[in-house]
Amino acid sequence: MNYSKRHGEILKLIQEEGTMTIARLAEKLGVSLETVRRDVKPLARDGAILKMHGAIGLPSVVGEAPFERRMREQADAKRVIAKLVAATIRDGESVMLDTGTTTSFLARELLGHRRLTVVTNSSDIARTLATVNGNKVYMAGGELRSDSGAAFGVSAIEFVSRFTVNHAVITAGAVDVQHGIMDYVLEEAEFARVVLTRGTRRIVVTDHTKFGRQGLVQVCGFADFDELATDVPPPRVIVDAAQAAGVSLIVAS
């Protein structure tokens, strides 16, 4: 059918974000909820979008795992950060990586390295680096999470606690000036906290969208890691807090 201008705006927004709630769509378009519900009906009928409870999405995205969706978010920024950190890791060194999209990008940037020893709880990272270039990859055991394919729990923590590595790298769900590095899931925060204790060099990698957010669970304070790698300079208050704790900033831009 011939779609209206607003239908085109809806499709553009959905293509940019993958999925959106009806309420957010109405806010972005500056129209009522009823208007949005009426407008999405022909799009859903024609198969251009899929309707869910209180939301709509692209057919190609709705069945996608949350981790895969997060890999697309800020992908360019995460890739730049990963390239920056990978350049500081040498052939033959040992690296411990927690599960996260930025560490998954880092694993891909490490494909050009040789004879790495890699310890991780992420099946994505393990698959990426195992059996290539003489690498040794050790993956923590435990129950695999359905969204990320990562292992958590006591057995995963006990496993990684046996290793001491050159580089311990974790991602951040949020970076708060008062609480430092934070996450939204308790078991992920607990695992990341242990990872940082196993590295001679302790690195947090995160894109700029995490700055100024406050998560649910503290991973560590600024004094508990050595370097913060990101894509753009953090806000001044976070720079000051990091530098006061002796944290070095590595900024891709």
C-alpha atoms as a PDB file:
ATOM      1  CA  MET A   1       0.000   0.000   0.000  1.00  0.00           C
ATOM      2  CA  ASN A   2       1.019   3.669  -0.204  1.00  0.00           C
ATOM      3  CA  TYR A   3       2.082   4.759   3.247  1.00  0.00           C
ATOM      4  CA  SER A   4       1.643   8.244   4.685  1.00  0.00           C
ATOM      5  CA  LYS A   5       4.479  10.500   5.792  1.00  0.00           C
ATOM      6  CA  ARG A   6       3.961   9.397   9.403  1.00  0.00           C
ATOM      7  CA  HIS A   7       4.110   5.741   8.362  1.00  0.00           C
ATOM      8  CA  GLY A   8       7.492   6.534   6.826  1.00  0.00           C
ATOM      9  CA  GLU A   9       8.619   8.201  10.060  1.00  0.00           C
ATOM     10  CA  ILE A  10       7.553   5.132  12.060  1.00  0.00           C
ATOM     11  CA  LEU A  11       9.482   2.796   9.766  1.00  0.00           C
ATOM     12  CA  LYS A  12      12.566   5.021   9.965  1.00  0.00           C
ATOM     13  CA  LEU A  13      12.491   5.047  13.777  1.00  0.00           C
ATOM     14  CA  ILE A  14      12.032   1.273  13.959  1.00  0.00           C
ATOM     15  CA  GLN A  15      14.878   0.686  11.525  1.00  0.00           C
ATOM     16  CA  GLU A  16      17.117   2.830  13.726  1.00  0.00           C
ATOM     17  CA  GLU A  17      16.178   1.226  17.060  1.00  0.00           C
ATOM     18  CA  GLY A  18      14.984  -2.290  16.180  1.00  0.00           C
ATOM     19  CA  THR A  19      12.121  -2.287  18.694  1.00  0.00           C
ATOM     20  CA  MET A  20      10.157   0.515  20.377  1.00  0.00           C
ATOM     21  CA  THR A  21       7.314   0.763  22.820  1.00  0.00           C
ATOM     22  CA  ILE A  22       4.090   2.377  21.619  1.00  0.00           C
ATOM     23  CA  ALA A  23       4.499   5.038  24.316  1.00  0.00           C
ATOM     24  CA  ARG A  24       8.025   5.977  23.183  1.00  0.00           C
ATOM     25  CA  LEU A  25       6.917   6.042  19.564  1.00  0.00           C
ATOM     26  CA  ALA A  26       4.056   8.399  20.400  1.00  0.00           C
ATOM     27  CA  GLU A  27       6.463  10.653  22.296  1.00  0.00           C
ATOM     28  CA  LYS A  28       8.958  10.738  19.400  1.00  0.00           C
ATOM     29  CA  LEU A  29       6.217  11.543  16.877  1.00  0.00           C
ATOM     30  CA  GLY A  30       4.380  14.013  19.116  1.00  0.00           C
ATOM     31  CA  VAL A  31       1.033  12.260  18.730  1.00  0.00           C
ATOM     32  CA  SER A  32      -1.373  10.353  20.979  1.00  0.00           C
ATOM     33  CA  LEU A  33      -1.151   6.661  21.822  1.00  0.00           C
ATOM     34  CA  GLU A  34      -4.387   6.062  19.923  1.00  0.00           C
ATOM     35  CA  THR A  35      -2.966   7.691  16.805  1.00  0.00           C
ATOM     36  CA  VAL A  36       0.122   5.485  16.940  1.00  0.00           C
ATOM     37  CA  ARG A  37      -1.943   2.339  17.480  1.00  0.00           C
ATOM     38  CA  ARG A  38      -4.060   3.263  14.462  1.00  0.00           C
ATOM     39  CA  ASP A  39      -1.004   4.023  12.317  1.00  0.00           C
ATOM     40  CA  VAL A  40       0.815   0.780  13.058  1.00  0.00           C
ATOM     41  CA  LYS A  41      -2.118  -1.458  12.102  1.00  0.00           C
ATOM     42  CA  PRO A  42      -1.562  -1.337   8.318  1.00  0.00           C
ATOM     43  CA  LEU A  43       2.214  -1.698   8.786  1.00  0.00           C
ATOM     44  CA  ALA A  44       1.668  -4.828  10.865  1.00  0.00           C
ATOM     45  CA  ARG A  45      -0.929  -6.167   8.439  1.00  0.00           C
ATOM     46  CA  ASP A  46       1.523  -5.811   5.536  1.00  0.00           C
ATOM     47  CA  GLY A  47       4.337  -7.466   7.495  1.00  0.00           C
ATOM     48  CA  ALA A  48       6.530  -4.340   7.578  1.00  0.00           C
ATOM     49  CA  ILE A  49       6.603  -4.512  11.379  1.00  0.00           C
ATOM     50  CA  LEU A  50       5.674  -6.994  14.100  1.00  0.00           C
ATOM     51  CA  LYS A  51       3.307  -6.049  16.918  1.00  0.00           C
ATOM     52  CA  MET A  52       4.148  -7.178  20.442  1.00  0.00           C
ATOM     53  CA  HIS A  53       2.571  -6.413  23.790  1.00  0.00           C
ATOM     54  CA  GLY A  54       2.824  -2.648  24.039  1.00  0.00           C
ATOM     55  CA  ALA A  55       5.571  -2.410  21.415  1.00  0.00           C
ATOM     56  CA  ILE A  56       6.482  -2.931  17.785  1.00  0.00           C
ATOM     57  CA  GLY A  57       9.662  -4.147  16.096  1.00  0.00           C
ATOM     58  CA  LEU A  58      11.300  -5.177  12.857  1.00  0.00           C
ATOM     59  CA  PRO A  59      10.584  -8.802  11.908  1.00  0.00           C
ATOM     60  CA  SER A  60      14.335  -9.494  11.591  1.00  0.00           C
ATOM     61  CA  VAL A  61      15.044  -8.171  15.083  1.00  0.00           C
ATOM     62  CA  VAL A  62      12.201  -9.489  17.227  1.00  0.00           C
ATOM     63  CA  GLY A  63      13.570 -13.043  17.325  1.00  0.00           C
ATOM     64  CA  GLU A  64      17.098 -11.862  17.993  1.00  0.00           C
ATOM     65  CA  ALA A  65      18.807 -12.484  21.345  1.00  0.00           C
ATOM     66  CA  PRO A  66      19.338  -9.420  23.586  1.00  0.00           C
ATOM     67  CA  PHE A  67      23.127  -9.876  23.394  1.00  0.00           C
ATOM     68  CA  GLU A  68      23.007  -9.710  19.584  1.00  0.00           C
ATOM     69  CA  ARG A  69      20.984  -6.508  19.751  1.00  0.00           C
ATOM     70  CA  ARG A  70      23.491  -4.981  22.182  1.00  0.00           C
ATOM     71  CA  MET A  71      26.327  -5.866  19.802  1.00  0.00           C
ATOM     72  CA  ARG A  72      24.771  -3.438  17.298  1.00  0.00           C
ATOM     73  CA  GLU A  73      24.368  -0.602  19.799  1.00  0.00           C
ATOM     74  CA  GLN A  74      27.284   1.871  19.685  1.00  0.00           C
ATOM     75  CA  ALA A  75      29.106  -0.705  17.549  1.00  0.00           C
ATOM     76  CA  ASP A  76      31.516   1.802  15.991  1.00  0.00           C
ATOM     77  CA  ALA A  77      32.490   3.187  19.398  1.00  0.00           C
ATOM     78  CA  LYS A  78      33.020  -0.293  20.843  1.00  0.00           C
ATOM     79  CA  ARG A  79      35.118  -1.302  17.833  1.00  0.00           C
ATOM     80  CA  VAL A  80      37.357   1.750  18.245  1.00  0.00           C
ATOM     81  CA  ILE A  81      37.848   1.015  21.951  1.00  0.00           C
ATOM     82  CA  ALA A  82      38.628  -2.626  21.172  1.00  0.00           C
ATOM     83  CA  LYS A  83      41.266  -1.670  18.585  1.00  0.00           C
ATOM     84  CA  LEU A  84      42.884   0.680  21.093  1.00  0.00           C
ATOM     85  CA  VAL A  85      43.135  -1.935  23.842  1.00  0.00           C
ATOM     86  CA  ALA A  86      44.159  -4.762  21.490  1.00  0.00           C
ATOM     87  CA  ALA A  87      47.152  -2.670  20.388  1.00  0.00           C
ATOM     88  CA  THR A  88      48.432  -2.688  23.996  1.00  0.00           C
ATOM     89  CA  ILE A  89      48.370  -6.498  24.277  1.00  0.00           C
ATOM     90  CA  ARG A  90      51.353  -8.451  22.960  1.00  0.00           C
ATOM     91  CA  ASP A  91      51.638 -11.909  21.438  1.00  0.00           C
ATOM     92  CA  GLY A  92      52.072 -14.616  24.048  1.00  0.00           C
ATOM     93  CA  GLU A  93      50.428 -12.684  26.884  1.00  0.00           C
ATOM     94  CA  SER A  94      47.497 -13.773  29.045  1.00  0.00           C
ATOM     95  CA  VAL A  95      44.123 -12.018  29.084  1.00  0.00           C
ATOM     96  CA  MET A  96      41.016 -12.490  31.216  1.00  0.00           C
ATOM     97  CA  LEU A  97      37.778 -11.118  29.755  1.00  0.00           C
ATOM     98  CA  ASP A  98      34.331 -10.941  31.291  1.00  0.00           C
ATOM     99  CA  THR A  99      31.225 -11.213  29.143  1.00  0.00           C
ATOM    100  CA  GLY A 100      30.112  -8.029  27.426  1.00  0.00           C
ATOM    101  CA  THR A 101      29.724  -6.571  23.987  1.00  0.00           C
ATOM    102  CA  THR A 102      32.865  -4.423  24.183  1.00  0.00           C
ATOM    103  CA  THR A 103      34.974  -7.378  25.325  1.00  0.00           C
ATOM    104  CA  SER A 104      33.461  -9.406  22.474  1.00  0.00           C
ATOM    105  CA  PHE A 105      34.647  -6.713  20.075  1.00  0.00           C
ATOM    106  CA  LEU A 106      38.048  -6.885  21.773  1.00  0.00           C
ATOM    107  CA  ALA A 107      38.179 -10.639  21.163  1.00  0.00           C
ATOM    108  CA  ARG A 108      37.649 -10.002  17.450  1.00  0.00           C
ATOM    109  CA  GLU A 109      40.450  -7.429  17.410  1.00  0.00           C
ATOM    110  CA  LEU A 110      42.741  -9.990  19.052  1.00  0.00           C
ATOM    111  CA  LEU A 111      42.357 -12.418  16.148  1.00  0.00           C
ATOM    112  CA  GLY A 112      45.587 -11.073  14.692  1.00  0.00           C
ATOM    113  CA  HIS A 113      47.525 -11.950  17.866  1.00  0.00           C
ATOM    114  CA  ARG A 114      49.348 -15.234  18.417  1.00  0.00           C
ATOM    115  CA  ARG A 115      49.849 -17.624  21.344  1.00  0.00           C
ATOM    116  CA  LEU A 116      47.475 -15.816  23.682  1.00  0.00           C
ATOM    117  CA  THR A 117      46.215 -17.438  26.866  1.00  0.00           C
ATOM    118  CA  VAL A 118      42.588 -16.368  27.281  1.00  0.00           C
ATOM    119  CA  VAL A 119      40.370 -16.936  30.313  1.00  0.00           C
ATOM    120  CA  THR A 120      36.697 -16.020  30.024  1.00  0.00           C
ATOM    121  CA  ASN A 121      33.158 -16.894  31.020  1.00  0.00           C
ATOM    122  CA  SER A 122      31.834 -15.909  27.576  1.00  0.00           C
ATOM    123  CA  SER A 123      31.096 -18.602  25.011  1.00  0.00           C
ATOM    124  CA  ASP A 124      31.183 -15.921  22.295  1.00  0.00           C
ATOM    125  CA  ILE A 125      34.730 -14.878  23.242  1.00  0.00           C
ATOM    126  CA  ALA A 126      35.841 -18.499  23.652  1.00  0.00           C
ATOM    127  CA  ARG A 127      34.528 -19.432  20.200  1.00  0.00           C
ATOM    128  CA  THR A 128      36.167 -16.393  18.644  1.00  0.00           C
ATOM    129  CA  LEU A 129      39.686 -17.027  19.943  1.00  0.00           C
ATOM    130  CA  ALA A 130      39.900 -20.795  20.453  1.00  0.00           C
ATOM    131  CA  THR A 131      41.846 -23.008  18.009  1.00  0.00           C
ATOM    132  CA  VAL A 132      43.461 -20.081  16.128  1.00  0.00           C
ATOM    133  CA  ASN A 133      47.059 -18.829  16.071  1.00  0.00           C
ATOM    134  CA  GLY A 134      48.220 -21.181  18.809  1.00  0.00           C
ATOM    135  CA  ASN A 135      45.936 -19.644  21.445  1.00  0.00           C
ATOM    136  CA  LYS A 136      44.980 -21.423  24.655  1.00  0.00           C
ATOM    137  CA  VAL A 137      41.438 -20.625  25.769  1.00  0.00           C
ATOM    138  CA  TYR A 138      40.027 -21.555  29.174  1.00  0.00           C
ATOM    139  CA  MET A 139      36.295 -21.093  29.693  1.00  0.00           C
ATOM    140  CA  ALA A 140      34.653 -20.970  33.096  1.00  0.00           C
ATOM    141  CA  GLY A 141      32.002 -23.589  33.690  1.00  0.00           C
ATOM    142  CA  GLY A 142      28.556 -23.229  35.149  1.00  0.00           C
ATOM    143  CA  GLU A 143      25.058 -22.583  33.899  1.00  0.00           C
ATOM    144  CA  LEU A 144      25.073 -20.656  30.618  1.00  0.00           C
ATOM    145  CA  ARG A 145      22.799 -17.630  30.466  1.00  0.00           C
ATOM    146  CA  SER A 146      20.373 -17.826  27.548  1.00  0.00           C
ATOM    147  CA  ASP A 147      20.751 -14.161  26.554  1.00  0.00           C
ATOM    148  CA  SER A 148      24.567 -13.944  26.425  1.00  0.00           C
ATOM    149  CA  GLY A 149      25.827 -17.534  26.432  1.00  0.00           C
ATOM    150  CA  ALA A 150      27.993 -16.739  29.465  1.00  0.00           C
ATOM    151  CA  ALA A 151      28.606 -18.782  32.619  1.00  0.00           C
ATOM    152  CA  PHE A 152      28.056 -17.321  36.068  1.00  0.00           C
ATOM    153  CA  GLY A 153      27.823 -18.486  39.638  1.00  0.00           C
ATOM    154  CA  VAL A 154      30.147 -19.975  42.250  1.00  0.00           C
ATOM    155  CA  SER A 155      31.810 -22.482  39.926  1.00  0.00           C
ATOM    156  CA  ALA A 156      32.642 -19.775  37.359  1.00  0.00           C
ATOM    157  CA  ILE A 157      34.151 -17.538  40.041  1.00  0.00           C
ATOM    158  CA  GLU A 158      36.158 -20.393  41.563  1.00  0.00           C
ATOM    159  CA  PHE A 159      37.496 -21.328  38.136  1.00  0.00           C
ATOM    160  CA  VAL A 160      38.819 -17.884  37.158  1.00  0.00           C
ATOM    161  CA  SER A 161      40.226 -17.375  40.660  1.00  0.00           C
ATOM    162  CA  ARG A 162      42.868 -20.017  39.876  1.00  0.00           C
ATOM    163  CA  PHE A 163      44.474 -17.806  37.216  1.00  0.00           C
ATOM    164  CA  THR A 164      46.710 -14.763  37.326  1.00  0.00           C
ATOM    165  CA  VAL A 165      46.943 -12.918  34.009  1.00  0.00           C
ATOM    166  CA  ASN A 166      48.761 -10.001  32.407  1.00  0.00           C
ATOM    167  CA  HIS A 167      45.558  -8.170  31.458  1.00  0.00           C
ATOM    168  CA  ALA A 168      42.183  -8.362  33.233  1.00  0.00           C
ATOM    169  CA  VAL A 169      39.488  -6.607  31.199  1.00  0.00           C
ATOM    170  CA  ILE A 170      35.872  -5.964  32.193  1.00  0.00           C
ATOM    171  CA  THR A 171      32.999  -3.998  30.708  1.00  0.00           C
ATOM    172  CA  ALA A 172      30.816  -1.511  32.586  1.00  0.00           C
ATOM    173  CA  GLY A 173      27.052  -1.211  32.702  1.00  0.00           C
ATOM    174  CA  ALA A 174      27.333   2.252  34.231  1.00  0.00           C
ATOM    175  CA  VAL A 175      30.029   4.649  35.440  1.00  0.00           C
ATOM    176  CA  ASP A 176      28.978   6.800  38.379  1.00  0.00           C
ATOM    177  CA  VAL A 177      31.148   9.459  39.985  1.00  0.00           C
ATOM    178  CA  GLN A 178      30.288   8.313  43.526  1.00  0.00           C
ATOM    179  CA  HIS A 179      30.157   4.534  43.110  1.00  0.00           C
ATOM    180  CA  GLY A 180      32.604   3.947  40.275  1.00  0.00           C
ATOM    181  CA  ILE A 181      31.895   0.994  37.992  1.00  0.00           C
ATOM    182  CA  MET A 182      28.384  -0.431  38.273  1.00  0.00           C
ATOM    183  CA  ASP A 183      26.193  -3.099  36.699  1.00  0.00           C
ATOM    184  CA  TYR A 184      22.522  -4.028  36.693  1.00  0.00           C
ATOM    185  CA  VAL A 185      22.820  -7.754  37.441  1.00  0.00           C
ATOM    186  CA  LEU A 186      24.276  -9.020  40.726  1.00  0.00           C
ATOM    187  CA  GLU A 187      26.002 -12.115  39.363  1.00  0.00           C
ATOM    188  CA  GLU A 188      27.601 -10.172  36.510  1.00  0.00           C
ATOM    189  CA  ALA A 189      28.912  -7.579  38.966  1.00  0.00           C
ATOM    190  CA  GLU A 190      30.297 -10.275  41.274  1.00  0.00           C
ATOM    191  CA  PHE A 191      32.084 -12.024  38.416  1.00  0.00           C
ATOM    192  CA  ALA A 192      33.566  -8.780  37.034  1.00  0.00           C
ATOM    193  CA  ARG A 193      34.817  -7.833  40.501  1.00  0.00           C
ATOM    194  CA  VAL A 194      36.756 -11.098  40.740  1.00  0.00           C
ATOM    195  CA  VAL A 195      38.178 -10.712  37.219  1.00  0.00           C
ATOM    196  CA  LEU A 196      39.780  -7.415  38.195  1.00  0.00           C
ATOM    197  CA  THR A 197      41.602  -9.068  41.101  1.00  0.00           C
ATOM    198  CA  ARG A 198      43.316 -11.556  38.772  1.00  0.00           C
ATOM    199  CA  GLY A 199      45.175  -9.133  36.508  1.00  0.00           C
ATOM    200  CA  THR A 200      48.541  -7.444  36.812  1.00  0.00           C
ATOM    201  CA  ARG A 201      46.959  -4.769  34.644  1.00  0.00           C
ATOM    202  CA  ARG A 202      43.291  -4.023  35.376  1.00  0.00           C
ATOM    203  CA  ILE A 203      41.268  -2.385  32.600  1.00  0.00           C
ATOM    204  CA  VAL A 204      37.644  -1.217  32.325  1.00  0.00           C
ATOM    205  CA  VAL A 205      36.337  -0.744  28.778  1.00  0.00           C
ATOM    206  CA  THR A 206      33.155   1.227  28.133  1.00  0.00           C
ATOM    207  CA  ASP A 207      31.613   3.551  25.573  1.00  0.00           C
ATOM    208  CA  HIS A 208      30.565   7.087  26.449  1.00  0.00           C
ATOM    209  CA  THR A 209      26.855   6.255  26.869  1.00  0.00           C
ATOM    210  CA  LYS A 210      27.609   4.623  30.238  1.00  0.00           C
ATOM    211  CA  PHE A 211      29.024   7.783  31.822  1.00  0.00           C
ATOM    212  CA  GLY A 212      26.790   9.455  34.397  1.00  0.00           C
ATOM    213  CA  ARG A 213      24.523   6.426  34.698  1.00  0.00           C
ATOM    214  CA  GLN A 214      23.923   4.707  38.014  1.00  0.00           C
ATOM    215  CA  GLY A 215      23.519   0.935  37.966  1.00  0.00           C
ATOM    216  CA  LEU A 216      21.958  -1.325  40.543  1.00  0.00           C
ATOM    217  CA  VAL A 217      25.095  -3.050  41.864  1.00  0.00           C
ATOM    218  CA  GLN A 218      28.590  -1.672  42.428  1.00  0.00           C
ATOM    219  CA  VAL A 219      31.383  -3.628  40.761  1.00  0.00           C
ATOM    220  CA  CYS A 220      34.279  -1.593  42.150  1.00  0.00           C
ATOM    221  CA  GLY A 221      35.473   1.883  43.019  1.00  0.00           C
ATOM    222  CA  PHE A 222      37.907   3.883  40.916  1.00  0.00           C
ATOM    223  CA  ALA A 223      40.786   2.782  43.150  1.00  0.00           C
ATOM    224  CA  ASP A 224      40.212  -0.861  42.176  1.00  0.00           C
ATOM    225  CA  PHE A 225      41.390  -0.676  38.558  1.00  0.00           C
ATOM    226  CA  ASP A 226      44.258   0.901  36.621  1.00  0.00           C
ATOM    227  CA  GLU A 227      42.929   2.077  33.273  1.00  0.00           C
ATOM    228  CA  LEU A 228      39.662   3.264  31.766  1.00  0.00           C
ATOM    229  CA  ALA A 229      39.424   2.864  27.979  1.00  0.00           C
ATOM    230  CA  THR A 230      36.646   4.691  26.154  1.00  0.00           C
ATOM    231  CA  ASP A 231      35.769   6.380  22.873  1.00  0.00           C
ATOM    232  CA  VAL A 232      35.380  10.021  23.946  1.00  0.00           C
ATOM    233  CA  PRO A 233      36.569  11.953  27.025  1.00  0.00           C
ATOM    234  CA  PRO A 234      34.320  11.373  30.066  1.00  0.00           C
ATOM    235  CA  PRO A 235      32.569  14.241  31.864  1.00  0.00           C
ATOM    236  CA  ARG A 236      34.911  16.368  33.978  1.00  0.00           C
ATOM    237  CA  VAL A 237      33.609  15.016  37.292  1.00  0.00           C
ATOM    238  CA  ILE A 238      34.374  11.432  36.233  1.00  0.00           C
ATOM    239  CA  VAL A 239      37.812  12.428  34.920  1.00  0.00           C
ATOM    240  CA  ASP A 240      38.587  14.086  38.253  1.00  0.00           C
ATOM    241  CA  ALA A 241      37.393  11.088  40.292  1.00  0.00           C
ATOM    242  CA  ALA A 242      39.363   8.665  38.135  1.00  0.00           C
ATOM    243  CA  GLN A 243      42.566  10.694  38.211  1.00  0.00           C
ATOM    244  CA  ALA A 244      42.299  11.219  41.973  1.00  0.00           C
ATOM    245  CA  ALA A 245      42.298   7.408  42.313  1.00  0.00           C
ATOM    246  CA  GLY A 246      45.289   7.036  39.999  1.00  0.00           C
ATOM    247  CA  VAL A 247      43.333   5.690  37.021  1.00  0.00           C
ATOM    248  CA  SER A 248      44.837   6.323  33.581  1.00  0.00           C
ATOM    249  CA  LEU A 249      42.394   7.356  30.843  1.00  0.00           C
ATOM    250  CA  ILE A 250      42.799   5.858  27.380  1.00  0.00           C
ATOM    251  CA  VAL A 251      40.605   7.784  24.952  1.00  0.00           C
ATOM    252  CA  ALA A 252      40.276   6.616  21.358  1.00  0.00           C
ATOM    253  CA  SER A 253      39.427  10.045  19.952  1.00  0.00           C
END
